[in-house]
PDB file of N, CA and C in Angstrom:
ATOM      1  N   UNK A   1      81.490 111.967  91.965  1.00  0.00           N
ATOM      2  CA  UNK A   1      82.425 110.868  91.744  1.00  0.00           C
ATOM      3  C   UNK A   1      81.637 109.673  91.197  1.00  0.00           C
ATOM      4  N   UNK A   2      82.261 109.035  90.315  1.00  0.00           N
ATOM      5  CA  UNK A   2      81.695 107.791  89.675  1.00  0.00           C
ATOM      6  C   UNK A   2      81.547 106.714  90.711  1.00  0.00           C
ATOM      7  N   UNK A   3      80.407 106.048  90.684  1.00  0.00           N
ATOM      8  CA  UNK A   3      80.155 104.977  91.689  1.00  0.00           C
ATOM      9  C   UNK A   3      81.114 103.818  91.536  1.00  0.00           C
ATOM     10  N   UNK A   4      81.352 103.429  90.304  1.00  0.00           N
ATOM     11  CA  UNK A   4      82.311 102.304  90.051  1.00  0.00           C
ATOM     12  C   UNK A   4      83.729 102.669  90.502  1.00  0.00           C
ATOM     13  N   UNK A   5      84.111 103.945  90.309  1.00  0.00           N
ATOM     14  CA  UNK A   5      85.434 104.342  90.753  1.00  0.00           C
ATOM     15  C   UNK A   5      85.539 104.320  92.245  1.00  0.00           C
ATOM     16  N   UNK A   6      84.404 104.714  92.930  1.00  0.00           N
ATOM     17  CA  UNK A   6      84.421 104.707  94.398  1.00  0.00           C
ATOM     18  C   UNK A   6      84.391 103.254  94.864  1.00  0.00           C
ATOM     19  N   UNK A   7      83.758 102.340  94.237  1.00  0.00           N
ATOM     20  CA  UNK A   7      83.703 100.933  94.634  1.00  0.00           C
ATOM     21  C   UNK A   7      85.023 100.227  94.403  1.00  0.00           C
ATOM     22  N   UNK A   8      85.827 100.742  93.489  1.00  0.00           N
ATOM     23  CA  UNK A   8      87.121 100.084  93.159  1.00  0.00           C
ATOM     24  C   UNK A   8      88.166 100.273  94.204  1.00  0.00           C
ATOM     25  N   UNK A   9      87.872 101.128  95.197  1.00  0.00           N
ATOM     26  CA  UNK A   9      88.868 101.328  96.252  1.00  0.00           C
ATOM     27  C   UNK A   9      88.636 100.326  97.375  1.00  0.00           C
ATOM     28  N   UNK A  10      87.499  99.573  97.388  1.00  0.00           N
ATOM     29  CA  UNK A  10      87.284  98.614  98.463  1.00  0.00           C
ATOM     30  C   UNK A  10      88.159  97.449  98.433  1.00  0.00           C
ATOM     31  N   UNK A  11      88.495  96.795  97.314  1.00  0.00           N
ATOM     32  CA  UNK A  11      89.437  95.622  97.348  1.00  0.00           C
ATOM     33  C   UNK A  11      90.768  95.859  98.041  1.00  0.00           C
ATOM     34  N   UNK A  12      91.466  96.977  97.783  1.00  0.00           N
ATOM     35  CA  UNK A  12      92.758  97.140  98.533  1.00  0.00           C
ATOM     36  C   UNK A  12      92.545  97.301 100.030  1.00  0.00           C
ATOM     37  N   UNK A  13      91.540  97.942 100.474  1.00  0.00           N
ATOM     38  CA  UNK A  13      91.341  98.095 101.918  1.00  0.00           C
ATOM     39  C   UNK A  13      90.847  96.796 102.564  1.00  0.00           C
ATOM     40  N   UNK A  14      90.021  96.037 101.814  1.00  0.00           N
ATOM     41  CA  UNK A  14      89.595  94.706 102.301  1.00  0.00           C
ATOM     42  C   UNK A  14      90.807  93.783 102.383  1.00  0.00           C
ATOM     43  N   UNK A  15      91.725  93.835 101.430  1.00  0.00           N
ATOM     44  CA  UNK A  15      92.927  92.979 101.438  1.00  0.00           C
ATOM     45  C   UNK A  15      93.790  93.412 102.618  1.00  0.00           C
ATOM     46  N   UNK A  16      93.877  94.678 102.837  1.00  0.00           N
ATOM     47  CA  UNK A  16      94.716  95.169 103.983  1.00  0.00           C
ATOM     48  C   UNK A  16      94.187  94.610 105.304  1.00  0.00           C
ATOM     49  N   UNK A  17      92.869  94.656 105.428  1.00  0.00           N
ATOM     50  CA  UNK A  17      92.234  94.155 106.681  1.00  0.00           C
ATOM     51  C   UNK A  17      92.458  92.684 106.828  1.00  0.00           C
ATOM     52  N   UNK A  18      92.406  91.921 105.792  1.00  0.00           N
ATOM     53  CA  UNK A  18      92.674  90.500 105.824  1.00  0.00           C
ATOM     54  C   UNK A  18      94.088  90.190 106.178  1.00  0.00           C
ATOM     55  N   UNK A  19      94.998  90.972 105.614  1.00  0.00           N
ATOM     56  CA  UNK A  19      96.427  90.774 105.916  1.00  0.00           C
ATOM     57  C   UNK A  19      96.707  91.041 107.448  1.00  0.00           C
ATOM     58  N   UNK A  20      96.123  92.106 107.964  1.00  0.00           N
ATOM     59  CA  UNK A  20      96.329  92.428 109.330  1.00  0.00           C
ATOM     60  C   UNK A  20      95.761  91.357 110.243  1.00  0.00           C
ATOM     61  N   UNK A  21      94.587  90.896 109.915  1.00  0.00           N
ATOM     62  CA  UNK A  21      93.942  89.873 110.787  1.00  0.00           C
ATOM     63  C   UNK A  21      94.641  88.492 110.700  1.00  0.00           C
ATOM     64  N   UNK A  22      95.072  88.143 109.525  1.00  0.00           N
ATOM     65  CA  UNK A  22      95.649  86.763 109.330  1.00  0.00           C
ATOM     66  C   UNK A  22      97.166  86.818 109.047  1.00  0.00           C
ATOM     67  N   UNK A  23      97.861  87.834 109.477  1.00  0.00           N
ATOM     68  CA  UNK A  23      99.291  87.925 109.081  1.00  0.00           C
ATOM     69  C   UNK A  23     100.099  86.751 109.435  1.00  0.00           C
ATOM     70  N   UNK A  24      99.966  86.205 110.659  1.00  0.00           N
ATOM     71  CA  UNK A  24     100.804  85.063 111.070  1.00  0.00           C
ATOM     72  C   UNK A  24     100.533  83.841 110.185  1.00  0.00           C
ATOM     73  N   UNK A  25      99.289  83.632 109.791  1.00  0.00           N
ATOM     74  CA  UNK A  25      98.976  82.476 108.958  1.00  0.00           C
ATOM     75  C   UNK A  25      99.384  82.678 107.472  1.00  0.00           C
ATOM     76  N   UNK A  26      99.287  83.942 107.027  1.00  0.00           N
ATOM     77  CA  UNK A  26      99.561  84.225 105.576  1.00  0.00           C
ATOM     78  C   UNK A  26     100.944  84.733 105.331  1.00  0.00           C
ATOM     79  N   UNK A  27     101.764  84.837 106.344  1.00  0.00           N
ATOM     80  CA  UNK A  27     103.078  85.528 106.186  1.00  0.00           C
ATOM     81  C   UNK A  27     103.890  85.098 104.969  1.00  0.00           C
ATOM     82  N   UNK A  28     104.102  83.814 104.695  1.00  0.00           N
ATOM     83  CA  UNK A  28     104.892  83.548 103.515  1.00  0.00           C
ATOM     84  C   UNK A  28     104.164  83.686 102.181  1.00  0.00           C
ATOM     85  N   UNK A  29     102.843  83.780 102.246  1.00  0.00           N
ATOM     86  CA  UNK A  29     101.997  83.864 101.077  1.00  0.00           C
ATOM     87  C   UNK A  29     101.174  85.147 100.972  1.00  0.00           C
ATOM     88  N   UNK A  30     101.643  86.210 101.573  1.00  0.00           N
ATOM     89  CA  UNK A  30     100.877  87.451 101.602  1.00  0.00           C
ATOM     90  C   UNK A  30     100.742  88.014 100.189  1.00  0.00           C
ATOM     91  N   UNK A  31     101.732  87.827  99.363  1.00  0.00           N
ATOM     92  CA  UNK A  31     101.684  88.322  97.951  1.00  0.00           C
ATOM     93  C   UNK A  31     100.523  87.743  97.192  1.00  0.00           C
ATOM     94  N   UNK A  32      99.993  86.554  97.616  1.00  0.00           N
ATOM     95  CA  UNK A  32      98.970  85.897  96.935  1.00  0.00           C
ATOM     96  C   UNK A  32      97.694  86.771  96.920  1.00  0.00           C
ATOM     97  N   UNK A  33      97.439  87.573  97.900  1.00  0.00           N
ATOM     98  CA  UNK A  33      96.273  88.426  97.966  1.00  0.00           C
ATOM     99  C   UNK A  33      96.398  89.634  97.046  1.00  0.00           C
ATOM    100  N   UNK A  34      97.614  89.992  96.641  1.00  0.00           N
ATOM    101  CA  UNK A  34      97.853  91.083  95.795  1.00  0.00           C
ATOM    102  C   UNK A  34      97.217  91.013  94.442  1.00  0.00           C
ATOM    103  N   UNK A  35      97.311  89.876  93.840  1.00  0.00           N
ATOM    104  CA  UNK A  35      96.889  89.701  92.371  1.00  0.00           C
ATOM    105  C   UNK A  35      95.339  89.805  92.309  1.00  0.00           C
ATOM    106  N   UNK A  36      94.523  89.201  93.100  1.00  0.00           N
ATOM    107  CA  UNK A  36      93.121  89.421  92.984  1.00  0.00           C
ATOM    108  C   UNK A  36      92.731  90.845  93.306  1.00  0.00           C
ATOM    109  N   UNK A  37      93.434  91.476  94.170  1.00  0.00           N
ATOM    110  CA  UNK A  37      93.098  92.863  94.544  1.00  0.00           C
ATOM    111  C   UNK A  37      93.325  93.767  93.320  1.00  0.00           C
ATOM    112  N   UNK A  38      94.416  93.600  92.634  1.00  0.00           N
ATOM    113  CA  UNK A  38      94.688  94.419  91.449  1.00  0.00           C
ATOM    114  C   UNK A  38      93.696  94.118  90.337  1.00  0.00           C
ATOM    115  N   UNK A  39      93.352  92.845  90.158  1.00  0.00           N
ATOM    116  CA  UNK A  39      92.440  92.415  89.059  1.00  0.00           C
ATOM    117  C   UNK A  39      91.093  93.022  89.322  1.00  0.00           C
ATOM    118  N   UNK A  40      90.514  92.870  90.568  1.00  0.00           N
ATOM    119  CA  UNK A  40      89.156  93.324  90.850  1.00  0.00           C
ATOM    120  C   UNK A  40      89.050  94.815  90.818  1.00  0.00           C
ATOM    121  N   UNK A  41      90.061  95.508  91.254  1.00  0.00           N
ATOM    122  CA  UNK A  41      90.055  96.922  91.276  1.00  0.00           C
ATOM    123  C   UNK A  41      89.989  97.469  89.848  1.00  0.00           C
ATOM    124  N   UNK A  42      90.794  96.859  88.962  1.00  0.00           N
ATOM    125  CA  UNK A  42      90.690  97.247  87.547  1.00  0.00           C
ATOM    126  C   UNK A  42      89.416  96.823  86.854  1.00  0.00           C
ATOM    127  N   UNK A  43      88.850  95.697  87.179  1.00  0.00           N
ATOM    128  CA  UNK A  43      87.622  95.221  86.682  1.00  0.00           C
ATOM    129  C   UNK A  43      86.457  96.162  87.034  1.00  0.00           C
ATOM    130  N   UNK A  44      86.443  96.436  88.357  1.00  0.00           N
ATOM    131  CA  UNK A  44      85.339  97.247  88.804  1.00  0.00           C
ATOM    132  C   UNK A  44      85.424  98.736  88.363  1.00  0.00           C
ATOM    133  N   UNK A  45      86.586  99.301  88.490  1.00  0.00           N
ATOM    134  CA  UNK A  45      86.764 100.696  88.091  1.00  0.00           C
ATOM    135  C   UNK A  45      87.083 100.855  86.596  1.00  0.00           C
ATOM    136  N   UNK A  46      88.312 101.017  86.279  1.00  0.00           N
ATOM    137  CA  UNK A  46      88.805 101.153  84.952  1.00  0.00           C
ATOM    138  C   UNK A  46      90.314 100.866  84.943  1.00  0.00           C
ATOM    139  N   UNK A  47      90.949 100.990  83.865  1.00  0.00           N
ATOM    140  CA  UNK A  47      92.382 100.725  83.833  1.00  0.00           C
ATOM    141  C   UNK A  47      93.104 101.804  84.747  1.00  0.00           C
ATOM    142  N   UNK A  48      92.746 103.004  84.670  1.00  0.00           N
ATOM    143  CA  UNK A  48      93.370 104.011  85.555  1.00  0.00           C
ATOM    144  C   UNK A  48      93.149 103.731  87.038  1.00  0.00           C
ATOM    145  N   UNK A  49      91.892 103.372  87.318  1.00  0.00           N
ATOM    146  CA  UNK A  49      91.607 102.973  88.700  1.00  0.00           C
ATOM    147  C   UNK A  49      92.359 101.745  89.151  1.00  0.00           C
ATOM    148  N   UNK A  50      92.562 100.834  88.224  1.00  0.00           N
ATOM    149  CA  UNK A  50      93.348  99.672  88.516  1.00  0.00           C
ATOM    150  C   UNK A  50      94.824 100.030  88.845  1.00  0.00           C
ATOM    151  N   UNK A  51      95.374 100.904  88.110  1.00  0.00           N
ATOM    152  CA  UNK A  51      96.716 101.368  88.417  1.00  0.00           C
ATOM    153  C   UNK A  51      96.837 102.064  89.745  1.00  0.00           C
ATOM    154  N   UNK A  52      95.856 102.911  90.049  1.00  0.00           N
ATOM    155  CA  UNK A  52      95.863 103.598  91.326  1.00  0.00           C
ATOM    156  C   UNK A  52      95.669 102.625  92.488  1.00  0.00           C
ATOM    157  N   UNK A  53      94.762 101.725  92.329  1.00  0.00           N
ATOM    158  CA  UNK A  53      94.455 100.793  93.386  1.00  0.00           C
ATOM    159  C   UNK A  53      95.591  99.771  93.546  1.00  0.00           C
ATOM    160  N   UNK A  54      96.257  99.459  92.510  1.00  0.00           N
ATOM    161  CA  UNK A  54      97.431  98.602  92.582  1.00  0.00           C
ATOM    162  C   UNK A  54      98.521  99.245  93.436  1.00  0.00           C
ATOM    163  N   UNK A  55      98.734 100.556  93.216  1.00  0.00           N
ATOM    164  CA  UNK A  55      99.717 101.353  94.008  1.00  0.00           C
ATOM    165  C   UNK A  55      99.279 101.288  95.515  1.00  0.00           C
ATOM    166  N   UNK A  56      98.037 101.451  95.787  1.00  0.00           N
ATOM    167  CA  UNK A  56      97.557 101.382  97.186  1.00  0.00           C
ATOM    168  C   UNK A  56      97.786  99.992  97.788  1.00  0.00           C
ATOM    169  N   UNK A  57      97.496  98.981  96.969  1.00  0.00           N
ATOM    170  CA  UNK A  57      97.688  97.586  97.459  1.00  0.00           C
ATOM    171  C   UNK A  57      99.140  97.281  97.702  1.00  0.00           C
ATOM    172  N   UNK A  58     100.066  97.796  96.863  1.00  0.00           N
ATOM    173  CA  UNK A  58     101.461  97.588  97.035  1.00  0.00           C
ATOM    174  C   UNK A  58     101.958  98.215  98.349  1.00  0.00           C
ATOM    175  N   UNK A  59     101.289  99.346  98.759  1.00  0.00           N
ATOM    176  CA  UNK A  59     101.701  99.936 100.022  1.00  0.00           C
ATOM    177  C   UNK A  59     101.331  99.048 101.276  1.00  0.00           C
ATOM    178  N   UNK A  60     100.330  98.251 101.040  1.00  0.00           N
ATOM    179  CA  UNK A  60      99.916  97.343 102.081  1.00  0.00           C
ATOM    180  C   UNK A  60     100.889  96.135 102.295  1.00  0.00           C
ATOM    181  N   UNK A  61     101.641  95.822 101.301  1.00  0.00           N
ATOM    182  CA  UNK A  61     102.564  94.675 101.435  1.00  0.00           C
ATOM    183  C   UNK A  61     103.734  95.127 102.344  1.00  0.00           C
ATOM    184  N   UNK A  62     104.102  94.339 103.211  1.00  0.00           N
ATOM    185  CA  UNK A  62     105.175  94.730 104.164  1.00  0.00           C
ATOM    186  C   UNK A  62     106.524  94.217 103.688  1.00  0.00           C
TER     187      UNK A  62
END
């Protein structure tokens, strides 16, 4: 497996952890974490990795 592709999975899981920890404080602005997650996943991996990681990040939104 490509190292960059493996590293591109970290932003969605990091975002999910932050959302769980700070849900009460971020509740109206949770979508704000979605955009950097999608950007950094695509930047680290590739366009295809960005699409896949964006789908993972969207599953984290409640």
